[in-house]
C-alpha atoms as a PDB file:
ATOM      1  CA  MET A   1     -27.865   6.468   0.694  1.00  0.00           C
ATOM      2  CA  GLU A   2     -24.188   6.218   1.402  1.00  0.00           C
ATOM      3  CA  ARG A   3     -23.005   6.973  -1.857  1.00  0.00           C
ATOM      4  CA  GLU A   4     -25.129  10.328  -1.872  1.00  0.00           C
ATOM      5  CA  ILE A   5     -23.886  11.472   1.606  1.00  0.00           C
ATOM      6  CA  LEU A   6     -20.242  10.774   0.396  1.00  0.00           C
ATOM      7  CA  GLU A   7     -20.923  12.337  -2.941  1.00  0.00           C
ATOM      8  CA  TYR A   8     -22.320  15.508  -1.381  1.00  0.00           C
ATOM      9  CA  LEU A   9     -19.295  15.800   1.194  1.00  0.00           C
ATOM     10  CA  TYR A  10     -16.912  15.188  -1.557  1.00  0.00           C
ATOM     11  CA  ILE A  11     -18.287  17.710  -3.862  1.00  0.00           C
ATOM     12  CA  ASN A  12     -18.797  20.501  -1.211  1.00  0.00           C
ATOM     13  CA  PHE A  13     -15.461  19.816   0.291  1.00  0.00           C
ATOM     14  CA  ASP A  14     -14.265  23.521  -0.587  1.00  0.00           C
ATOM     15  CA  VAL A  15     -17.308  25.308   0.942  1.00  0.00           C
ATOM     16  CA  GLY A  16     -17.459  26.395   4.423  1.00  0.00           C
ATOM     17  CA  HIS A  17     -14.751  25.985   6.968  1.00  0.00           C
ATOM     18  CA  ASP A  18     -13.061  22.919   9.086  1.00  0.00           C
ATOM     19  CA  TRP A  19     -14.313  20.321   6.369  1.00  0.00           C
ATOM     20  CA  GLN A  20     -17.560  20.067   7.889  1.00  0.00           C
ATOM     21  CA  LYS A  21     -21.132  20.431   6.736  1.00  0.00           C
ATOM     22  CA  SER A  22     -24.357  20.880   8.617  1.00  0.00           C
ATOM     23  CA  LEU A  23     -27.193  18.363   8.424  1.00  0.00           C
ATOM     24  CA  LYS A  24     -29.449  21.270   7.730  1.00  0.00           C
ATOM     25  CA  GLU A  25     -27.534  22.237   4.624  1.00  0.00           C
ATOM     26  CA  LEU A  26     -27.440  18.502   3.501  1.00  0.00           C
ATOM     27  CA  MET A  27     -31.316  17.868   3.798  1.00  0.00           C
ATOM     28  CA  THR A  28     -31.552  20.991   1.439  1.00  0.00           C
ATOM     29  CA  SER A  29     -29.618  19.128  -1.544  1.00  0.00           C
ATOM     30  CA  PRO A  30     -31.831  17.880  -4.188  1.00  0.00           C
ATOM     31  CA  SER A  31     -30.499  14.332  -3.548  1.00  0.00           C
ATOM     32  CA  PHE A  32     -31.939  14.057   0.158  1.00  0.00           C
ATOM     33  CA  GLN A  33     -35.359  15.448  -0.461  1.00  0.00           C
ATOM     34  CA  GLY A  34     -37.948  13.871   1.048  1.00  0.00           C
ATOM     35  CA  LYS A  35     -35.908  12.189   3.242  1.00  0.00           C
ATOM     36  CA  THR A  36     -36.114  12.632   6.995  1.00  0.00           C
ATOM     37  CA  LYS A  37     -33.748  13.157   9.452  1.00  0.00           C
ATOM     38  CA  LYS A  38     -33.988  10.015  11.207  1.00  0.00           C
ATOM     39  CA  GLU A  39     -33.543   8.009   7.795  1.00  0.00           C
ATOM     40  CA  ILE A  40     -30.075  10.138   7.064  1.00  0.00           C
ATOM     41  CA  ARG A  41     -28.980   9.605  10.223  1.00  0.00           C
ATOM     42  CA  PHE A  42     -29.357   5.843  10.438  1.00  0.00           C
ATOM     43  CA  PHE A  43     -26.427   5.818   7.358  1.00  0.00           C
ATOM     44  CA  LEU A  44     -24.469   8.708   9.288  1.00  0.00           C
ATOM     45  CA  ARG A  45     -24.356   6.543  11.989  1.00  0.00           C
ATOM     46  CA  LYS A  46     -23.324   3.375   9.974  1.00  0.00           C
ATOM     47  CA  MET A  47     -20.757   5.511   8.145  1.00  0.00           C
ATOM     48  CA  GLU A  48     -19.293   6.461  11.352  1.00  0.00           C
ATOM     49  CA  ASN A  49     -18.964   3.053  12.688  1.00  0.00           C
ATOM     50  CA  GLU A  50     -17.217   2.592   9.165  1.00  0.00           C
ATOM     51  CA  GLY A  51     -14.686   5.379   9.576  1.00  0.00           C
ATOM     52  CA  PHE A  52     -16.008   7.389   6.756  1.00  0.00           C
ATOM     53  CA  LEU A  53     -16.996  10.410   9.075  1.00  0.00           C
ATOM     54  CA  ARG A  54     -17.434  11.904  12.128  1.00  0.00           C
ATOM     55  CA  THR A  55     -20.395  13.956  13.733  1.00  0.00           C
ATOM     56  CA  PHE A  56     -20.995  16.036  16.524  1.00  0.00           C
ATOM     57  CA  LYS A  57     -23.935  18.096  17.584  1.00  0.00           C
ATOM     58  CA  PHE A  58     -24.065  21.865  18.431  1.00  0.00           C
ATOM     59  CA  LYS A  59     -27.025  23.698  19.588  1.00  0.00           C
ATOM     60  CA  ASP A  60     -30.127  22.549  17.207  1.00  0.00           C
ATOM     61  CA  ASP A  61     -27.943  21.033  14.573  1.00  0.00           C
ATOM     62  CA  GLU A  62     -25.764  18.261  13.805  1.00  0.00           C
ATOM     63  CA  PHE A  63     -22.621  18.784  11.783  1.00  0.00           C
ATOM     64  CA  ILE A  64     -20.802  15.871   9.395  1.00  0.00           C
ATOM     65  CA  ILE A  65     -16.974  15.939   8.780  1.00  0.00           C
ATOM     66  CA  ILE A  66     -15.742  13.687   6.213  1.00  0.00           C
ATOM     67  CA  SER A  67     -12.517  11.460   7.012  1.00  0.00           C
ATOM     68  CA  LEU A  68     -10.059  10.637   4.296  1.00  0.00           C
ATOM     69  CA  GLN A  69     -10.986   7.264   4.309  1.00  0.00           C
ATOM     70  CA  GLY A  70     -14.598   8.146   3.305  1.00  0.00           C
ATOM     71  CA  PHE A  71     -12.689   9.936   0.554  1.00  0.00           C
ATOM     72  CA  LEU A  72     -10.691   7.175  -0.392  1.00  0.00           C
ATOM     73  CA  HIS A  73     -13.720   4.895  -0.374  1.00  0.00           C
ATOM     74  CA  TYR A  74     -15.747   7.096  -2.597  1.00  0.00           C
ATOM     75  CA  GLU A  75     -12.935   7.536  -5.148  1.00  0.00           C
ATOM     76  CA  GLU A  76     -12.082   3.914  -5.031  1.00  0.00           C
ATOM     77  CA  TYR A  77     -15.864   2.665  -5.646  1.00  0.00           C
ATOM     78  CA  PHE A  78     -17.862   5.398  -7.035  1.00  0.00           C
ATOM     79  CA  SER A  79     -15.625   8.014  -8.569  1.00  0.00           C
ATOM     80  CA  VAL A  80     -14.385   6.036 -11.726  1.00  0.00           C
ATOM     81  CA  GLU A  81     -12.337   8.789 -13.277  1.00  0.00           C
ATOM     82  CA  ASN A  82     -11.508  11.472 -10.580  1.00  0.00           C
ATOM     83  CA  LYS A  83      -9.132  10.068  -7.901  1.00  0.00           C
ATOM     84  CA  PHE A  84      -8.100  13.527  -6.747  1.00  0.00           C
ATOM     85  CA  PHE A  85      -7.438  12.814  -3.022  1.00  0.00           C
ATOM     86  CA  THR A  86      -5.915   9.159  -3.555  1.00  0.00           C
ATOM     87  CA  ASN A  87      -3.446  10.863  -5.927  1.00  0.00           C
ATOM     88  CA  LEU A  88      -2.689  13.499  -3.652  1.00  0.00           C
ATOM     89  CA  LEU A  89      -2.135  11.308  -0.775  1.00  0.00           C
ATOM     90  CA  ILE A  90       0.077   9.365  -2.759  1.00  0.00           C
ATOM     91  CA  LYS A  91       2.025  12.283  -3.615  1.00  0.00           C
ATOM     92  CA  PHE A  92       2.255  13.284   0.140  1.00  0.00           C
ATOM     93  CA  LEU A  93       3.357   9.926   1.043  1.00  0.00           C
ATOM     94  CA  LYS A  94       6.112   9.536  -1.381  1.00  0.00           C
ATOM     95  CA  PHE A  95       7.278  13.171  -0.335  1.00  0.00           C
ATOM     96  CA  ILE A  96       7.360  11.840   3.314  1.00  0.00           C
ATOM     97  CA  GLN A  97       9.185   8.795   1.971  1.00  0.00           C
ATOM     98  CA  ASP A  98      11.977  10.826   0.203  1.00  0.00           C
ATOM     99  CA  ILE A  99      12.158  12.947   3.360  1.00  0.00           C
ATOM    100  CA  ASP A 100      13.090   9.604   5.214  1.00  0.00           C
ATOM    101  CA  ASN A 101      15.537   8.457   2.564  1.00  0.00           C
ATOM    102  CA  ASP A 102      17.172  11.905   2.651  1.00  0.00           C
ATOM    103  CA  SER A 103      16.277  12.138  -1.086  1.00  0.00           C
ATOM    104  CA  ILE A 104      14.766  15.666   0.200  1.00  0.00           C
ATOM    105  CA  LYS A 105      16.450  18.232   2.532  1.00  0.00           C
ATOM    106  CA  LEU A 106      14.355  20.124   4.644  1.00  0.00           C
ATOM    107  CA  HIS A 107      14.739  24.046   5.410  1.00  0.00           C
ATOM    108  CA  PRO A 108      16.336  25.003   8.879  1.00  0.00           C
ATOM    109  CA  GLY A 109      13.547  24.923  11.450  1.00  0.00           C
ATOM    110  CA  ARG A 110      13.128  26.611  14.649  1.00  0.00           C
ATOM    111  CA  GLY A 111      13.353  25.624  18.331  1.00  0.00           C
ATOM    112  CA  GLU A 112      12.834  21.934  18.473  1.00  0.00           C
ATOM    113  CA  GLN A 113      11.963  21.785  14.740  1.00  0.00           C
ATOM    114  CA  ILE A 114      14.173  19.171  13.069  1.00  0.00           C
ATOM    115  CA  GLY A 115      13.311  21.133   9.580  1.00  0.00           C
ATOM    116  CA  ALA A 116      10.815  23.075   7.733  1.00  0.00           C
ATOM    117  CA  PHE A 117       9.405  22.616   3.961  1.00  0.00           C
ATOM    118  CA  PRO A 118       7.570  25.725   2.704  1.00  0.00           C
ATOM    119  CA  LEU A 119       4.023  25.126   0.819  1.00  0.00           C
ATOM    120  CA  LEU A 120       5.295  27.044  -2.249  1.00  0.00           C
ATOM    121  CA  ASP A 121       7.930  24.502  -2.703  1.00  0.00           C
ATOM    122  CA  LEU A 122       5.579  21.705  -1.931  1.00  0.00           C
ATOM    123  CA  TYR A 123       2.866  22.508  -4.718  1.00  0.00           C
ATOM    124  CA  LYS A 124       5.940  22.582  -6.813  1.00  0.00           C
ATOM    125  CA  TYR A 125       6.863  19.271  -5.967  1.00  0.00           C
ATOM    126  CA  PHE A 126       3.645  17.856  -6.033  1.00  0.00           C
ATOM    127  CA  ASN A 127       2.755  19.870  -9.422  1.00  0.00           C
ATOM    128  CA  ILE A 128      -0.646  21.460  -7.979  1.00  0.00           C
ATOM    129  CA  ASP A 129      -2.115  24.621  -7.890  1.00  0.00           C
ATOM    130  CA  PRO A 130      -1.722  26.407  -4.554  1.00  0.00           C
ATOM    131  CA  SER A 131      -5.270  26.946  -4.790  1.00  0.00           C
ATOM    132  CA  TYR A 132      -5.631  23.286  -3.430  1.00  0.00           C
ATOM    133  CA  GLU A 133      -4.149  24.201  -0.205  1.00  0.00           C
ATOM    134  CA  LYS A 134      -7.203  23.274   1.536  1.00  0.00           C
ATOM    135  CA  LYS A 135      -7.352  19.956   0.323  1.00  0.00           C
ATOM    136  CA  MET A 136      -3.304  19.181   0.581  1.00  0.00           C
ATOM    137  CA  LEU A 137      -3.679  20.413   4.317  1.00  0.00           C
ATOM    138  CA  PHE A 138      -6.580  18.135   4.818  1.00  0.00           C
ATOM    139  CA  ILE A 139      -4.058  14.974   3.606  1.00  0.00           C
ATOM    140  CA  GLN A 140      -1.480  16.129   5.803  1.00  0.00           C
ATOM    141  CA  SER A 141      -3.822  16.117   8.676  1.00  0.00           C
ATOM    142  CA  GLU A 142      -5.608  13.274   8.073  1.00  0.00           C
ATOM    143  CA  SER A 143      -2.912  10.923   6.979  1.00  0.00           C
ATOM    144  CA  GLN A 144      -1.291  11.477  10.584  1.00  0.00           C
ATOM    145  CA  LYS A 145      -1.266   8.339  13.121  1.00  0.00           C
ATOM    146  CA  LYS A 146      -2.218   6.284  10.193  1.00  0.00           C
ATOM    147  CA  PHE A 147      -0.259   6.653   7.092  1.00  0.00           C
ATOM    148  CA  VAL A 148       2.449   9.296   8.678  1.00  0.00           C
ATOM    149  CA  ARG A 149       3.409   9.183  12.479  1.00  0.00           C
ATOM    150  CA  ASP A 150       2.856  12.148  14.636  1.00  0.00           C
ATOM    151  CA  GLY A 151       5.517  15.021  14.247  1.00  0.00           C
ATOM    152  CA  ILE A 152       4.334  17.221  11.151  1.00  0.00           C
ATOM    153  CA  GLY A 153       2.790  20.364  11.759  1.00  0.00           C
ATOM    154  CA  TYR A 154       1.834  23.338   9.816  1.00  0.00           C
ATOM    155  CA  THR A 155       2.542  27.099  10.090  1.00  0.00           C
ATOM    156  CA  LYS A 156       1.793  30.006   7.488  1.00  0.00           C
ATOM    157  CA  ASP A 157       5.703  31.485   7.487  1.00  0.00           C
ATOM    158  CA  LEU A 158       7.394  27.949   7.503  1.00  0.00           C
ATOM    159  CA  GLY A 159       4.890  25.711   5.522  1.00  0.00           C
ATOM    160  CA  LEU A 160       4.941  22.086   6.969  1.00  0.00           C
ATOM    161  CA  VAL A 161       7.300  21.777   9.969  1.00  0.00           C
ATOM    162  CA  PHE A 162       8.775  18.199  11.337  1.00  0.00           C
ATOM    163  CA  PHE A 163       9.672  17.413  15.075  1.00  0.00           C
ATOM    164  CA  GLY A 164      11.530  14.327  15.829  1.00  0.00           C
ATOM    165  CA  GLU A 165      14.468  12.454  13.916  1.00  0.00           C
ATOM    166  CA  ASP A 166      14.698   8.973  15.604  1.00  0.00           C
ATOM    167  CA  GLU A 167      12.005   7.161  13.952  1.00  0.00           C
ATOM    168  CA  PRO A 168      10.959   7.498  10.259  1.00  0.00           C
ATOM    169  CA  PHE A 169       7.846   9.591   9.667  1.00  0.00           C
ATOM    170  CA  LEU A 170       5.953   7.025   6.751  1.00  0.00           C
ATOM    171  CA  THR A 171       4.108   4.125   8.761  1.00  0.00           C
ATOM    172  CA  PHE A 172       3.731   0.805   7.730  1.00  0.00           C
ATOM    173  CA  GLU A 173       0.389   1.429   6.380  1.00  0.00           C
ATOM    174  CA  GLY A 174       1.748   4.295   4.709  1.00  0.00           C
ATOM    175  CA  LEU A 175       4.282   1.943   2.909  1.00  0.00           C
ATOM    176  CA  THR A 176       1.482  -0.768   2.437  1.00  0.00           C
ATOM    177  CA  PHE A 177      -0.879   1.944   0.705  1.00  0.00           C
ATOM    178  CA  LEU A 178       1.873   3.024  -1.620  1.00  0.00           C
ATOM    179  CA  ASP A 179       2.442  -0.691  -2.429  1.00  0.00           C
ATOM    180  CA  GLU A 180      -0.835  -1.510  -3.209  1.00  0.00           C
ATOM    181  CA  ARG A 181      -1.133   1.390  -5.820  1.00  0.00           C
ATOM    182  CA  LYS A 182       2.087   0.954  -7.325  1.00  0.00           C
ATOM    183  CA  LYS A 183       1.816  -0.515 -10.803  1.00  0.00           C
ATOM    184  CA  PHE A 184       3.552  -3.915 -10.235  1.00  0.00           C
ATOM    185  CA  TYR A 185       3.410  -7.002 -12.368  1.00  0.00           C
ATOM    186  CA  ASN A 186       4.161  -5.010 -15.718  1.00  0.00           C
ATOM    187  CA  SER A 187       6.000  -7.518 -17.298  1.00  0.00           C
ATOM    188  CA  LYS A 188       4.577  -8.908 -20.429  1.00  0.00           C
ATOM    189  CA  PHE A 189       5.091 -12.518 -19.282  1.00  0.00           C
ATOM    190  CA  ILE A 190       2.698 -11.656 -16.409  1.00  0.00           C
ATOM    191  CA  THR A 191      -0.814 -13.482 -17.849  1.00  0.00           C
ATOM    192  CA  ASN A 192      -2.721 -12.631 -14.661  1.00  0.00           C
ATOM    193  CA  GLN A 193      -1.922  -9.166 -12.996  1.00  0.00           C
ATOM    194  CA  ASP A 194      -5.295  -8.838 -11.022  1.00  0.00           C
ATOM    195  CA  MET A 195      -4.568 -12.086  -9.178  1.00  0.00           C
ATOM    196  CA  LEU A 196      -1.096 -10.952  -8.281  1.00  0.00           C
ATOM    197  CA  ILE A 197      -2.448  -7.777  -7.240  1.00  0.00           C
ATOM    198  CA  LYS A 198      -4.912  -9.349  -4.843  1.00  0.00           C
ATOM    199  CA  GLU A 199      -2.556 -11.983  -3.695  1.00  0.00           C
ATOM    200  CA  ASN A 200      -0.278  -8.675  -3.094  1.00  0.00           C
ATOM    201  CA  LYS A 201      -2.972  -7.214  -0.728  1.00  0.00           C
ATOM    202  CA  GLU A 202      -3.642 -10.490   0.938  1.00  0.00           C
ATOM    203  CA  LEU A 203       0.134 -10.635   1.639  1.00  0.00           C
ATOM    204  CA  ASN A 204      -0.097  -7.228   3.575  1.00  0.00           C
ATOM    205  CA  ILE A 205      -2.978  -8.395   5.587  1.00  0.00           C
ATOM    206  CA  LEU A 206      -0.992 -11.179   6.847  1.00  0.00           C
ATOM    207  CA  ILE A 207       2.288  -9.047   7.511  1.00  0.00           C
ATOM    208  CA  GLU A 208      -0.243  -6.632   9.298  1.00  0.00           C
ATOM    209  CA  ASN A 209      -1.058  -9.563  11.551  1.00  0.00           C
ATOM    210  CA  LYS A 210       2.127 -10.835  11.855  1.00  0.00           C
ATOM    211  CA  LEU A 211       1.546 -14.098  10.392  1.00  0.00           C
ATOM    212  CA  TRP A 212       5.058 -14.735   9.753  1.00  0.00           C
ATOM    213  CA  LYS A 213       5.114 -18.356   8.114  1.00  0.00           C
ATOM    214  CA  ASP A 214       2.025 -17.438   6.075  1.00  0.00           C
ATOM    215  CA  SER A 215       3.462 -14.209   4.954  1.00  0.00           C
ATOM    216  CA  CYS A 216       6.435 -16.243   3.716  1.00  0.00           C
ATOM    217  CA  VAL A 217       4.363 -19.040   1.936  1.00  0.00           C
ATOM    218  CA  LYS A 218       2.113 -16.432   0.319  1.00  0.00           C
ATOM    219  CA  ILE A 219       5.676 -14.750  -1.051  1.00  0.00           C
ATOM    220  CA  GLY A 220       6.856 -18.126  -2.370  1.00  0.00           C
ATOM    221  CA  SER A 221       3.687 -18.610  -4.389  1.00  0.00           C
ATOM    222  CA  ILE A 222       3.759 -15.418  -5.952  1.00  0.00           C
ATOM    223  CA  VAL A 223       7.639 -15.639  -6.550  1.00  0.00           C
ATOM    224  CA  GLU A 224       7.097 -19.489  -7.984  1.00  0.00           C
ATOM    225  CA  TYR A 225       4.237 -17.846 -10.244  1.00  0.00           C
ATOM    226  CA  VAL A 226       6.424 -15.091 -11.712  1.00  0.00           C
ATOM    227  CA  LEU A 227       9.510 -17.423 -12.255  1.00  0.00           C
ATOM    228  CA  THR A 228       7.131 -19.993 -13.920  1.00  0.00           C
ATOM    229  CA  LYS A 229       5.799 -17.709 -16.183  1.00  0.00           C
ATOM    230  CA  TRP A 230       9.355 -16.196 -17.193  1.00  0.00           C
ATOM    231  CA  ILE A 231      10.275 -19.786 -18.029  1.00  0.00           C
ATOM    232  CA  GLU A 232       7.565 -20.118 -20.234  1.00  0.00           C
ATOM    233  CA  ASP A 233       7.963 -17.229 -22.135  1.00  0.00           C
ATOM    234  CA  LYS A 234      11.488 -17.838 -22.806  1.00  0.00           C
ATOM    235  CA  LYS A 235      10.546 -21.089 -24.192  1.00  0.00           C
ATOM    236  CA  ILE A 236      13.084 -22.606 -21.943  1.00  0.00           C
ATOM    237  CA  PRO A 237      12.903 -26.530 -22.448  1.00  0.00           C
ATOM    238  CA  VAL A 238      12.174 -28.671 -19.285  1.00  0.00           C
ATOM    239  CA  ASN A 239      15.801 -30.721 -19.873  1.00  0.00           C
ATOM    240  CA  ILE A 240      17.401 -27.656 -19.617  1.00  0.00           C
ATOM    241  CA  ILE A 241      15.962 -26.955 -16.088  1.00  0.00           C
ATOM    242  CA  THR A 242      16.326 -30.535 -14.631  1.00  0.00           C
ATOM    243  CA  PRO A 243      17.708 -33.875 -15.707  1.00  0.00           C
ATOM    244  CA  ARG A 244      15.111 -35.823 -14.200  1.00  0.00           C
ATOM    245  CA  LYS A 245      13.182 -38.026 -16.769  1.00  0.00           C
ATOM    246  CA  SER A 246      10.144 -37.722 -14.866  1.00  0.00           C
ATOM    247  CA  ALA A 247       9.639 -34.075 -14.745  1.00  0.00           C
ATOM    248  CA  LYS A 248       8.088 -33.945 -18.743  1.00  0.00           C
ATOM    249  CA  LYS A 249       6.142 -30.828 -17.773  1.00  0.00           C
ATOM    250  CA  LEU A 250       7.120 -27.487 -15.988  1.00  0.00           C
ATOM    251  CA  ASP A 251       4.453 -27.643 -13.163  1.00  0.00           C
ATOM    252  CA  ASN A 252       6.401 -30.896 -12.378  1.00  0.00           C
ATOM    253  CA  ILE A 253       9.441 -29.235 -11.586  1.00  0.00           C
ATOM    254  CA  SER A 254      10.160 -28.185  -8.280  1.00  0.00           C
ATOM    255  CA  PHE A 255      10.636 -24.536  -7.342  1.00  0.00           C
ATOM    256  CA  ASN A 256      14.131 -25.206  -6.165  1.00  0.00           C
ATOM    257  CA  GLU A 257      15.118 -26.438  -9.398  1.00  0.00           C
ATOM    258  CA  LYS A 258      13.778 -23.513 -11.001  1.00  0.00           C
ATOM    259  CA  ILE A 259      15.509 -21.297  -8.725  1.00  0.00           C
ATOM    260  CA  ASP A 260      18.779 -23.349  -9.413  1.00  0.00           C
ATOM    261  CA  TYR A 261      18.341 -22.966 -13.052  1.00  0.00           C
ATOM    262  CA  TYR A 262      17.827 -19.123 -12.778  1.00  0.00           C
ATOM    263  CA  ILE A 263      20.954 -18.827 -10.252  1.00  0.00           C
ATOM    264  CA  ASN A 264      23.358 -21.266 -12.205  1.00  0.00           C
ATOM    265  CA  THR A 265      22.307 -20.133 -16.011  1.00  0.00           C
ATOM    266  CA  GLY A 266      19.333 -17.833 -16.523  1.00  0.00           C
ATOM    267  CA  ALA A 267      20.356 -14.760 -14.532  1.00  0.00           C
ATOM    268  CA  LYS A 268      23.475 -14.314 -16.612  1.00  0.00           C
ATOM    269  CA  LYS A 269      22.295 -15.450 -19.977  1.00  0.00           C
ATOM    270  CA  TYR A 270      19.143 -13.106 -19.811  1.00  0.00           C
ATOM    271  CA  ASN A 271      20.781 -10.079 -18.425  1.00  0.00           C
ATOM    272  CA  PHE A 272      19.576 -10.818 -14.799  1.00  0.00           C
ATOM    273  CA  GLU A 273      15.914  -9.916 -16.336  1.00  0.00           C
ATOM    274  CA  ILE A 274      14.022 -10.935 -12.960  1.00  0.00           C
ATOM    275  CA  GLY A 275      16.508 -10.410 -10.300  1.00  0.00           C
ATOM    276  CA  SER A 276      20.352 -10.787  -8.930  1.00  0.00           C
ATOM    277  CA  ILE A 277      21.763 -13.856  -8.155  1.00  0.00           C
ATOM    278  CA  THR A 278      21.868 -12.821  -4.465  1.00  0.00           C
ATOM    279  CA  GLU A 279      18.027 -11.663  -4.418  1.00  0.00           C
ATOM    280  CA  TRP A 280      17.457 -15.272  -5.586  1.00  0.00           C
ATOM    281  CA  ASN A 281      19.518 -17.130  -3.048  1.00  0.00           C
ATOM    282  CA  ILE A 282      17.771 -15.659   0.081  1.00  0.00           C
ATOM    283  CA  VAL A 283      14.629 -16.788  -1.499  1.00  0.00           C
ATOM    284  CA  LYS A 284      15.903 -20.269  -1.816  1.00  0.00           C
ATOM    285  CA  ASN A 285      17.451 -20.330   1.646  1.00  0.00           C
ATOM    286  CA  VAL A 286      14.544 -18.942   3.171  1.00  0.00           C
ATOM    287  CA  ILE A 287      11.570 -20.696   2.038  1.00  0.00           C
ATOM    288  CA  LYS A 288      13.559 -23.505   0.480  1.00  0.00           C
ATOM    289  CA  ASP A 289      10.303 -25.536  -0.938  1.00  0.00           C
ATOM    290  CA  TYR A 290       7.548 -23.445   0.324  1.00  0.00           C
ATOM    291  CA  ARG A 291       5.009 -26.331  -0.224  1.00  0.00           C
ATOM    292  CA  ASN A 292       6.831 -28.092   2.748  1.00  0.00           C
ATOM    293  CA  PHE A 293       5.524 -25.502   4.833  1.00  0.00           C
ATOM    294  CA  ILE A 294       1.571 -25.652   4.037  1.00  0.00           C
ATOM    295  CA  HIS A 295       1.480 -29.453   4.919  1.00  0.00           C
ATOM    296  CA  LEU A 296       1.602 -29.436   8.848  1.00  0.00           C
ATOM    297  CA  GLN A 297       2.706 -33.070   8.974  1.00  0.00           C
ATOM    298  CA  LYS A 298       6.072 -31.944   7.036  1.00  0.00           C
ATOM    299  CA  TYR A 299       5.980 -28.593   8.929  1.00  0.00           C
ATOM    300  CA  GLU A 300       5.809 -30.548  12.075  1.00  0.00           C
ATOM    301  CA  LYS A 301       8.993 -31.993  11.554  1.00  0.00           C
ATOM    302  CA  ARG A 302      10.770 -28.870  10.830  1.00  0.00           C
ATOM    303  CA  ILE A 303       9.342 -27.133  14.021  1.00  0.00           C
ATOM    304  CA  LYS A 304      11.298 -29.957  15.886  1.00  0.00           C
ATOM    305  CA  LYS A 305      14.235 -29.006  14.133  1.00  0.00           C
ATOM    306  CA  SER A 306      13.938 -25.454  14.791  1.00  0.00           C
ATOM    307  CA  ASP A 307      13.610 -25.051  11.259  1.00  0.00           C
ATOM    308  CA  TYR A 308      10.438 -22.972  10.796  1.00  0.00           C
ATOM    309  CA  LEU A 309       9.609 -19.790   9.371  1.00  0.00           C
ATOM    310  CA  ASN A 310       9.882 -16.845  11.807  1.00  0.00           C
ATOM    311  CA  GLU A 311       9.813 -12.879  11.885  1.00  0.00           C
ATOM    312  CA  ARG A 312      13.912 -12.867  11.080  1.00  0.00           C
ATOM    313  CA  ASP A 313      13.369 -15.199   8.233  1.00  0.00           C
ATOM    314  CA  PHE A 314      10.302 -13.080   6.883  1.00  0.00           C
ATOM    315  CA  LYS A 315      12.187  -9.838   7.340  1.00  0.00           C
ATOM    316  CA  SER A 316      15.045 -11.263   5.111  1.00  0.00           C
ATOM    317  CA  LEU A 317      12.775 -12.453   2.493  1.00  0.00           C
ATOM    318  CA  TYR A 318      10.688  -9.609   2.229  1.00  0.00           C
ATOM    319  CA  PHE A 319      13.741  -7.312   1.630  1.00  0.00           C
ATOM    320  CA  SER A 320      14.717  -9.576  -1.517  1.00  0.00           C
ATOM    321  CA  PHE A 321      11.027  -9.876  -2.498  1.00  0.00           C
ATOM    322  CA  LYS A 322      10.521  -6.014  -2.388  1.00  0.00           C
ATOM    323  CA  SER A 323      13.282  -5.627  -4.783  1.00  0.00           C
ATOM    324  CA  LEU A 324      12.458  -8.590  -7.049  1.00  0.00           C
ATOM    325  CA  ARG A 325       8.795  -6.936  -7.315  1.00  0.00           C
ATOM    326  CA  GLU A 326      10.227  -4.073  -8.663  1.00  0.00           C
ATOM    327  CA  LEU A 327      11.188  -6.210 -12.058  1.00  0.00           C
ATOM    328  CA  PHE A 328       8.021  -7.979 -12.426  1.00  0.00           C
END
């Protein structure tokens, strides 16, 4: 029944006010004929716990308010073709990112406002029809605190107004949301894009939980896979990468040796196709051979030498990883 409830709220979003529907209205829909209030309320409580909606009681009725998370969930799992709210959120977060990067200049604001952006200009920027105003304001309101920090309001005459200039408006979760939905790994030599996208999602979870060593190891595994696939695609002989006679297969070559080949030869020869020498030097210097951080008996020795992966190492590595990922 979760799908039916989300679908009803999704389809009827533009009907009514304040993005809410009453339980009495919902029960008149053909999808819920024969269902009791007790049955429907069971799923409403479940979905409320999952963050898909909110409910409140007023007089003799109960009202349901869809959340942005509910719409995103519906579009990801049930709406195969139409991803309106997901795409609109991506546009909004990119717009906020452009403001943070000073790519977009705000109009003068009033009082404590640092600037404003008229809605008509926003519709042009988003390439959407002004009739979507309600949905756009829903995205703006619902995205705050999680994807965008507090500090954005709305007035009819000025449009979106912005307060506070010391912190970026786009939160880490907002950046992660953009990252997860951006088309990475488009190079023809990447043979398993779905796997890398999944690995990238797992990396974001590790970062969110501040697991710096695990984040670095995950980056190492992704980057080595990409570098190995690139070497295979270029049909570069093993003996060109390493002089070791024992390494007859590419899988037997260490990650460091593969990086050294790219830094010393491959980068210039192939016009820096998968990144600069500086970026790969950072990868090499931070994680060295990342496998040594997986085996605890080896990692223990590194800890004694204060040679372990910490937040500073991660930040240095992640900066290069993000740049490299744009090329994959």
